[in-house]
C-alpha cells in the first residue's frame, strides 16, 4: 500500500485550475450586467438583489427555469458557443414577461465533462449580452465539471430567472372575452424548440452538413439553426400599455400547445395560420422530412413566436403601432366553445 501511486482530483477528471481560470474569464462579463440593485461582488455563495417593493402595489414574484435542449448539439457541431447563452436568457425572459413580470435577475448552470475555460467564456458572453440588452442582472451561477457524465466537448445549460409584477398586473388570460382578437408576432426561426426533429430531418434524412451553404438562408445550415431566440420584452411592454388580456410564448407544442394555457373555460381561440411570413427553414424541413402540416405546427412555432389576445380596440392599436419593430398580424378571434384552440391551416 505504501508504494501505491498518489492520486488527486485532476487524475479523476476534475481540474481545479481550469475551473479557477473559467471563473476569472466570466467574472467581468457577469459584473458588467450588474444593476444598482445588486449587492456585493460576483462569486459569492449567493447572489443578493435588493427589490424595490415600493414601486409595486401588492408585489408578486414570477420565476422560471429552462434549458436550450438539443440545440446545443448544433453548437457542438459548429464550434459556435456564444449564441446558446443568448437563447437561454431570452427564452427565460419571455416565459415570465408573458405573465406581466419585469425581469430582475438571472442565474445560470453549466455542466460539462471536461471544462474548457474558453468555451465557458463564449457561453457566458451570450448570457451577458442578452442580460445587458434587457437590463437584467446576471447575479451568479454554477459551472460543474462532471467527467464521464457527458461526451467529449459536450455540455448542458440551465437558466433561472426572477421577475416582479403588481398583483393587479398579472396577465393570465382570465380577462379574455368572446370577440377578442388573437394577434401573432413573428419569430426569427426555430428559437429553442423542435431541434430533435430538425436534426433528424437535416442530418439523418437529408444527410446535410452544418457547413452547407443554403441559398434560401443566405448562410450555412449551422448558422441558420443557431439564430438566437427572440426576446419579446419590448413587444410585451407595448402590449401591457394597450391592456392586453392574455399572452402566450410559443415554444414546444407550437400554437395549439401554448395558446390553450391562457384560454378560459367555455371559450375557444379560432386561429387561422399559413398566411403569415413563414421563415424558409420550416418549409424546407417539411419537404425534406415529408412532415404533415399539422405536425409542423404542433412541434414548431412556424414563424409565430408570441401570441396575444386583446379587445378589438386594443388590437387595432397594436396592429398599427409604430413602436414595434416586429410587426404583428391578426390570426384569429375568441369565440364560445369547448376546445381551447381551433386551428385552421391555410395550405
Protein backbone atom coordinates (compact mmCIF):
# COMPACT_ATOMS: atom_id res chain seq x y z
CA UNK A 1 0.00 0.00 0.00
CA UNK A 2 2.87 2.37 0.79
CA UNK A 3 4.15 2.17 -2.79
CA UNK A 4 0.79 2.89 -4.44
CA UNK A 5 0.64 5.86 -6.80
CA UNK A 6 -0.75 9.07 -5.33
CA UNK A 7 -3.86 10.38 -6.98
CA UNK A 8 -5.57 13.76 -6.90
CA UNK A 9 -8.77 15.41 -8.18
CA UNK A 10 -7.20 16.07 -11.58
CA UNK A 11 -6.50 12.36 -12.08
CA UNK A 12 -10.22 11.77 -11.53
CA UNK A 13 -11.02 14.16 -14.36
CA UNK A 14 -11.70 17.40 -12.44
CA UNK A 15 -9.15 20.18 -12.93
CA UNK A 16 -9.45 22.89 -10.29
CA UNK A 17 -7.02 25.16 -12.11
CA UNK A 18 -9.20 25.12 -15.22
CA UNK A 19 -12.21 25.89 -13.02
CA UNK A 20 -10.43 28.89 -11.50
CA UNK A 21 -9.44 30.13 -14.95
CA UNK A 22 -13.03 29.83 -16.17
CA UNK A 23 -14.25 31.81 -13.16
CA UNK A 24 -11.75 34.58 -13.87
CA UNK A 25 -12.82 34.75 -17.51
CA UNK A 26 -16.50 35.15 -16.72
CA UNK A 27 -16.27 37.41 -13.67
CA UNK A 28 -16.01 40.68 -15.62
CA UNK A 29 -18.72 39.59 -18.07
CA UNK A 30 -21.19 38.99 -15.26
CA UNK A 31 -20.19 42.12 -13.32
CA UNK A 32 -20.93 44.25 -16.39
CA UNK A 33 -24.61 43.27 -16.13
CA UNK A 34 -24.97 44.35 -12.51
CA UNK A 35 -27.67 46.92 -11.85
CA UNK A 36 -27.82 49.22 -8.81
CA UNK A 37 -29.97 46.57 -7.13
CA UNK A 38 -27.18 44.00 -6.96
CA UNK A 39 -25.46 43.78 -3.58
CA UNK A 40 -21.89 42.55 -3.28
CA UNK A 41 -19.49 41.14 -5.82
CA UNK A 42 -19.75 38.30 -8.30
CA UNK A 43 -18.58 34.95 -6.93
CA UNK A 44 -20.22 34.90 -3.52
CA UNK A 45 -22.11 31.95 -2.09
CA UNK A 46 -25.35 33.56 -3.22
CA UNK A 47 -26.41 36.46 -5.39
CA UNK A 48 -28.04 39.29 -3.42
CA UNK A 49 -30.57 41.57 -5.10
CA UNK A 50 -32.39 44.48 -3.47
CA UNK A 51 -36.05 44.53 -4.50
CA UNK A 52 -37.68 47.96 -4.66
CA UNK A 53 -41.06 46.86 -3.37
CA UNK A 54 -42.34 50.43 -3.11
CA UNK A 55 -42.58 50.51 -6.92
CA UNK A 56 -45.21 47.77 -6.93
CA UNK A 57 -48.68 47.60 -5.42
CA UNK A 58 -49.05 44.17 -3.81
CA UNK A 59 -45.90 42.77 -5.50
CA UNK A 60 -45.73 39.25 -6.91
CA UNK A 61 -42.51 37.43 -7.80
CA UNK A 62 -42.58 35.39 -11.01
CA UNK A 63 -39.86 32.80 -11.66
CA UNK A 64 -38.97 30.28 -14.34
CA UNK A 65 -36.22 27.87 -15.32
CA UNK A 66 -35.41 26.31 -18.66
CA UNK A 67 -32.76 24.83 -20.90
CA UNK A 68 -31.75 25.04 -24.55
CA UNK A 69 -32.47 21.41 -25.42
CA UNK A 70 -30.75 19.66 -28.29
CA UNK A 71 -29.98 22.96 -30.00
CA UNK A 72 -26.76 22.54 -28.02
CA UNK A 73 -25.84 19.73 -30.41
CA UNK A 74 -25.58 22.33 -33.19
CA UNK A 75 -23.21 24.38 -31.05
CA UNK A 76 -21.04 21.27 -30.56
CA UNK A 77 -21.04 20.56 -34.29
CA UNK A 78 -20.17 24.12 -35.37
CA UNK A 79 -17.91 25.20 -32.50
CA UNK A 80 -20.08 28.32 -32.08
CA UNK A 81 -20.92 28.71 -28.41
CA UNK A 82 -21.89 32.34 -27.83
CA UNK A 83 -25.44 32.16 -29.23
CA UNK A 84 -26.86 29.42 -26.97
CA UNK A 85 -26.32 31.62 -23.91
CA UNK A 86 -28.41 34.32 -25.56
CA UNK A 87 -31.05 31.69 -26.37
CA UNK A 88 -31.38 30.70 -22.75
CA UNK A 89 -31.68 34.23 -21.35
CA UNK A 90 -34.22 35.34 -23.96
CA UNK A 91 -36.34 32.21 -23.56
CA UNK A 92 -36.46 32.67 -19.79
CA UNK A 93 -37.29 36.39 -20.10
CA UNK A 94 -40.16 35.65 -22.48
CA UNK A 95 -41.59 32.99 -20.16
CA UNK A 96 -42.05 35.41 -17.25
CA UNK A 97 -42.74 38.53 -19.32
CA UNK A 98 -45.90 36.95 -20.77
CA UNK A 99 -47.17 36.80 -17.18
CA UNK A 100 -46.70 40.57 -16.92
CA UNK A 101 -43.45 40.44 -14.95
CA UNK A 102 -40.44 42.70 -15.38
CA UNK A 103 -37.29 40.52 -15.23
CA UNK A 104 -34.84 41.39 -12.43
CA UNK A 105 -32.05 38.84 -12.28
CA UNK A 106 -30.80 35.65 -13.92
CA UNK A 107 -28.63 32.72 -12.83
CA UNK A 108 -27.06 30.01 -14.96
CA UNK A 109 -25.88 26.43 -14.63
CA UNK A 110 -23.21 24.99 -16.94
CA UNK A 111 -22.23 21.34 -16.64
CA UNK A 112 -19.63 19.61 -18.79
CA UNK A 113 -17.46 16.52 -18.98
CA UNK A 114 -14.22 18.46 -19.35
CA UNK A 115 -14.19 22.14 -18.52
CA UNK A 116 -12.84 24.33 -21.31
CA UNK A 117 -12.44 27.91 -19.99
CA UNK A 118 -12.61 29.41 -23.49
CA UNK A 119 -15.88 27.64 -24.29
CA UNK A 120 -17.35 28.67 -20.94
CA UNK A 121 -16.33 32.25 -21.65
CA UNK A 122 -18.16 32.18 -25.00
CA UNK A 123 -21.31 30.77 -23.41
CA UNK A 124 -21.28 33.42 -20.69
CA UNK A 125 -20.71 36.14 -23.29
CA UNK A 126 -24.08 35.09 -24.69
CA UNK A 127 -25.66 35.25 -21.24
CA UNK A 128 -24.14 38.67 -20.54
CA UNK A 129 -25.01 40.30 -23.87
CA UNK A 130 -28.67 39.23 -23.59
CA UNK A 131 -28.86 40.32 -19.94
CA UNK A 132 -27.33 43.72 -20.76
CA UNK A 133 -29.76 44.30 -23.59
CA UNK A 134 -32.76 43.54 -21.37
CA UNK A 135 -31.44 45.27 -18.24
CA UNK A 136 -31.26 42.01 -16.31
CA UNK A 137 -28.51 41.30 -13.77
CA UNK A 138 -26.52 38.07 -14.12
CA UNK A 139 -26.04 37.64 -10.38
CA UNK A 140 -24.41 34.22 -10.27
CA UNK A 141 -24.33 30.64 -11.44
CA UNK A 142 -22.58 27.31 -11.26
CA UNK A 143 -20.04 25.66 -13.53
CA UNK A 144 -19.71 21.93 -12.88
CA UNK A 145 -17.08 19.60 -14.32
CA UNK A 146 -18.53 16.09 -14.40
CA UNK A 147 -16.14 13.61 -16.06
CA UNK A 148 -17.65 10.53 -17.71
CA UNK A 149 -21.13 12.09 -17.42
CA UNK A 150 -21.06 13.93 -20.76
CA UNK A 151 -19.42 13.12 -24.08
CA UNK A 152 -16.16 14.81 -25.01
CA UNK A 153 -16.64 18.53 -25.75
CA UNK A 154 -20.29 18.38 -24.67
CA UNK A 155 -22.12 20.41 -22.03
CA UNK A 156 -25.60 21.25 -20.79
CA UNK A 157 -27.12 24.56 -19.76
CA UNK A 158 -29.93 25.66 -17.49
CA UNK A 159 -31.16 29.15 -16.70
CA UNK A 160 -33.13 30.56 -13.80
CA UNK A 161 -34.88 33.94 -13.79
CA UNK A 162 -36.91 36.01 -11.34
CA UNK A 163 -39.16 38.94 -12.17
CA UNK A 164 -41.72 41.10 -10.40
CA UNK A 165 -45.20 42.46 -11.13
CA UNK A 166 -48.04 44.03 -9.16
CA UNK A 167 -50.81 41.55 -8.34
CA UNK A 168 -53.26 43.56 -10.43
CA UNK A 169 -50.79 43.49 -13.33
CA UNK A 170 -50.53 39.69 -13.57
CA UNK A 171 -51.51 38.52 -17.08
CA UNK A 172 -53.05 35.05 -17.01
CA UNK A 173 -55.80 35.12 -19.64
CA UNK A 174 -58.65 35.29 -17.14
CA UNK A 175 -59.83 38.60 -18.66
CA UNK A 176 -60.21 37.15 -22.18
CA UNK A 177 -63.72 37.59 -23.63
CA UNK A 178 -65.71 36.43 -26.63
CA UNK A 179 -64.98 38.67 -29.61
CA UNK A 180 -61.39 39.39 -28.60
CA UNK A 181 -58.73 39.41 -31.31
CA UNK A 182 -55.80 36.97 -31.48
CA UNK A 183 -52.59 38.62 -32.67
CA UNK A 184 -49.33 36.92 -33.67
CA UNK A 185 -45.78 38.26 -33.53
CA UNK A 186 -43.14 36.88 -35.90
CA UNK A 187 -40.36 34.57 -34.82
CA UNK A 188 -36.85 34.60 -36.27
CA UNK A 189 -36.66 30.83 -36.81
CA UNK A 190 -36.83 27.74 -34.63
CA UNK A 191 -35.93 29.68 -31.46
CA UNK A 192 -35.16 26.85 -28.99
CA UNK A 193 -37.73 24.17 -29.78
CA UNK A 194 -38.10 21.22 -32.13
CA UNK A 195 -34.39 20.60 -32.61
CA UNK A 196 -34.59 16.85 -32.17
CA UNK A 197 -36.88 16.66 -35.22
CA UNK A 198 -34.89 19.31 -37.11
CA UNK A 199 -31.64 17.41 -36.57
CA UNK A 200 -33.24 14.16 -37.71
CA UNK A 201 -34.53 15.79 -40.90
CA UNK A 202 -31.39 17.68 -41.88
CA UNK A 203 -28.65 15.33 -40.72
CA UNK A 204 -30.20 11.83 -40.89
CA UNK A 205 -32.85 12.03 -43.62
CA UNK A 206 -31.27 14.64 -45.91
CA UNK A 207 -27.65 13.98 -44.98
CA UNK A 208 -26.78 17.69 -44.90
CA UNK A 209 -23.76 19.08 -43.05
CA UNK A 210 -23.74 22.14 -40.80
CA UNK A 211 -21.31 23.90 -43.15
CA UNK A 212 -23.65 23.51 -46.15
CA UNK A 213 -24.49 26.91 -47.66
CA UNK A 214 -28.24 27.23 -48.22
CA UNK A 215 -29.35 29.92 -50.68
CA UNK A 216 -32.74 30.35 -49.02
CA UNK A 217 -31.00 31.18 -45.73
CA UNK A 218 -28.20 33.29 -47.14
CA UNK A 219 -25.83 31.47 -44.77
CA UNK A 220 -24.86 27.98 -43.70
CA UNK A 221 -27.28 25.48 -42.23
CA UNK A 222 -25.43 25.62 -38.90
CA UNK A 223 -25.63 29.41 -38.75
CA UNK A 224 -29.36 29.32 -39.51
CA UNK A 225 -30.03 26.72 -36.85
CA UNK A 226 -28.13 28.82 -34.28
CA UNK A 227 -30.08 32.07 -34.81
CA UNK A 228 -30.89 33.14 -31.21
CA UNK A 229 -34.34 33.02 -29.68
CA UNK A 230 -36.01 36.43 -29.98
CA UNK A 231 -36.60 38.44 -26.80
CA UNK A 232 -40.15 39.82 -26.85
CA UNK A 233 -39.74 42.10 -23.83
CA UNK A 234 -40.28 45.34 -25.78
CA UNK A 235 -43.32 43.92 -27.58
CA UNK A 236 -44.81 42.73 -24.30
CA UNK A 237 -44.30 46.12 -22.66
CA UNK A 238 -46.20 47.71 -25.55
CA UNK A 239 -48.93 45.07 -25.18
CA UNK A 240 -49.27 45.89 -21.47
CA UNK A 241 -49.69 49.56 -22.30
CA UNK A 242 -52.57 48.55 -24.59
CA UNK A 243 -54.36 46.49 -21.93
CA UNK A 244 -53.57 43.01 -23.24
CA UNK A 245 -55.75 40.24 -21.80
CA UNK A 246 -53.53 37.22 -22.40
CA UNK A 247 -50.13 36.38 -23.88
CA UNK A 248 -48.65 33.03 -24.87
CA UNK A 249 -44.98 32.32 -25.56
CA UNK A 250 -44.99 29.86 -28.48
CA UNK A 251 -42.42 27.23 -27.56
CA UNK A 252 -42.56 23.41 -27.59
CA UNK A 253 -46.05 22.36 -28.65
CA UNK A 254 -46.48 25.26 -31.06
CA UNK A 255 -49.58 27.45 -31.06
CA UNK A 256 -52.08 24.73 -30.06
CA UNK A 257 -49.91 23.55 -27.17
CA UNK A 258 -49.27 27.00 -25.70
CA UNK A 259 -52.20 29.28 -26.53
CA UNK A 260 -54.52 26.78 -24.82
CA UNK A 261 -52.80 27.57 -21.50
CA UNK A 262 -54.39 31.03 -21.30
CA UNK A 263 -57.89 30.46 -22.78
CA UNK A 264 -60.64 30.46 -20.11
CA UNK A 265 -63.07 27.54 -19.90
CA UNK A 266 -66.00 27.89 -22.26
CA UNK A 267 -64.07 29.95 -24.79
CA UNK A 268 -62.13 28.93 -27.89
CA UNK A 269 -59.42 30.67 -29.89
CA UNK A 270 -60.19 30.17 -33.57
CA UNK A 271 -56.82 30.60 -35.27
CA UNK A 272 -56.02 30.70 -38.97
CA UNK A 273 -52.38 30.19 -39.95
CA UNK A 274 -50.48 29.88 -43.17
CA UNK A 275 -50.84 33.41 -44.47
CA UNK A 276 -48.09 34.75 -42.21
CA UNK A 277 -44.50 35.18 -43.32
CA UNK A 278 -43.02 31.75 -42.58
CA UNK A 279 -39.20 31.59 -42.42
CA UNK A 280 -37.92 29.31 -45.21
CA UNK A 281 -36.35 26.83 -42.78
CA UNK A 282 -39.78 25.45 -41.90
CA UNK A 283 -40.84 24.80 -45.49
CA UNK A 284 -37.52 23.15 -46.28
CA UNK A 285 -37.81 20.87 -43.25
CA UNK A 286 -41.37 19.93 -44.09
CA UNK A 287 -40.42 18.99 -47.66
CA UNK A 288 -37.22 17.10 -46.76
CA UNK A 289 -38.89 15.16 -43.97
CA UNK A 290 -42.31 14.73 -45.62
CA UNK A 291 -43.89 16.06 -42.42
CA UNK A 292 -47.64 16.72 -42.14
CA UNK A 293 -48.53 20.40 -41.84
CA UNK A 294 -50.43 19.77 -38.60
CA UNK A 295 -47.35 18.09 -37.14
CA UNK A 296 -45.20 21.06 -38.15
CA UNK A 297 -47.49 23.40 -36.21
CA UNK A 298 -47.58 21.02 -33.26
CA UNK A 299 -43.78 20.89 -32.98
CA UNK A 300 -42.54 24.27 -34.22
CA UNK A 301 -43.54 27.92 -33.85
CA UNK A 302 -43.83 28.15 -37.67
CA UNK A 303 -42.94 31.83 -37.75
CA UNK A 304 -45.11 32.95 -34.82
CA UNK A 305 -43.14 33.23 -31.59
CA UNK A 306 -45.65 35.12 -29.47
CA UNK A 307 -49.46 35.29 -29.44
CA UNK A 308 -51.52 37.94 -27.67
CA UNK A 309 -55.26 38.28 -27.06
CA UNK A 310 -56.69 41.81 -26.96
CA UNK A 311 -60.00 43.64 -27.23
CA UNK A 312 -60.78 44.78 -30.79
CA UNK A 313 -59.86 48.39 -29.97
CA UNK A 314 -56.58 47.40 -28.29
CA UNK A 315 -55.75 45.04 -31.14
CA UNK A 316 -56.17 47.89 -33.62
CA UNK A 317 -53.70 49.98 -31.62
CA UNK A 318 -51.14 47.16 -31.61
CA UNK A 319 -51.57 46.31 -35.29
CA UNK A 320 -50.97 49.94 -36.30
CA UNK A 321 -48.30 50.75 -33.71
CA UNK A 322 -45.09 52.32 -34.98
CA UNK A 323 -43.23 51.40 -31.79
CA UNK A 324 -42.95 47.68 -32.57
CA UNK A 325 -40.22 46.59 -34.99
CA UNK A 326 -41.50 43.01 -35.33
CA UNK A 327 -44.82 43.79 -37.00
CA UNK A 328 -47.76 41.82 -35.57
CA UNK A 329 -50.70 40.46 -37.55
CA UNK A 330 -54.20 39.21 -36.77
CA UNK A 331 -54.52 35.42 -36.73
CA UNK A 332 -57.89 34.77 -35.10
CA UNK A 333 -60.81 35.55 -32.82
CA UNK A 334 -62.15 34.32 -29.50
CA UNK A 335 -65.49 32.51 -29.67
CA UNK A 336 -67.53 30.31 -27.37
CA UNK A 337 -66.56 26.66 -27.48
CA UNK A 338 -65.32 23.63 -25.59
CA UNK A 339 -61.94 23.28 -27.34
CA UNK A 340 -59.41 25.92 -26.16
CA UNK A 341 -57.79 26.24 -29.60
CA UNK A 342 -59.26 25.51 -33.02
CA UNK A 343 -56.62 25.59 -35.77
CA UNK A 344 -57.38 26.27 -39.43
CA UNK A 345 -54.39 25.56 -41.66
CA UNK A 346 -54.29 27.51 -44.92
CA UNK A 347 -52.25 25.45 -47.39
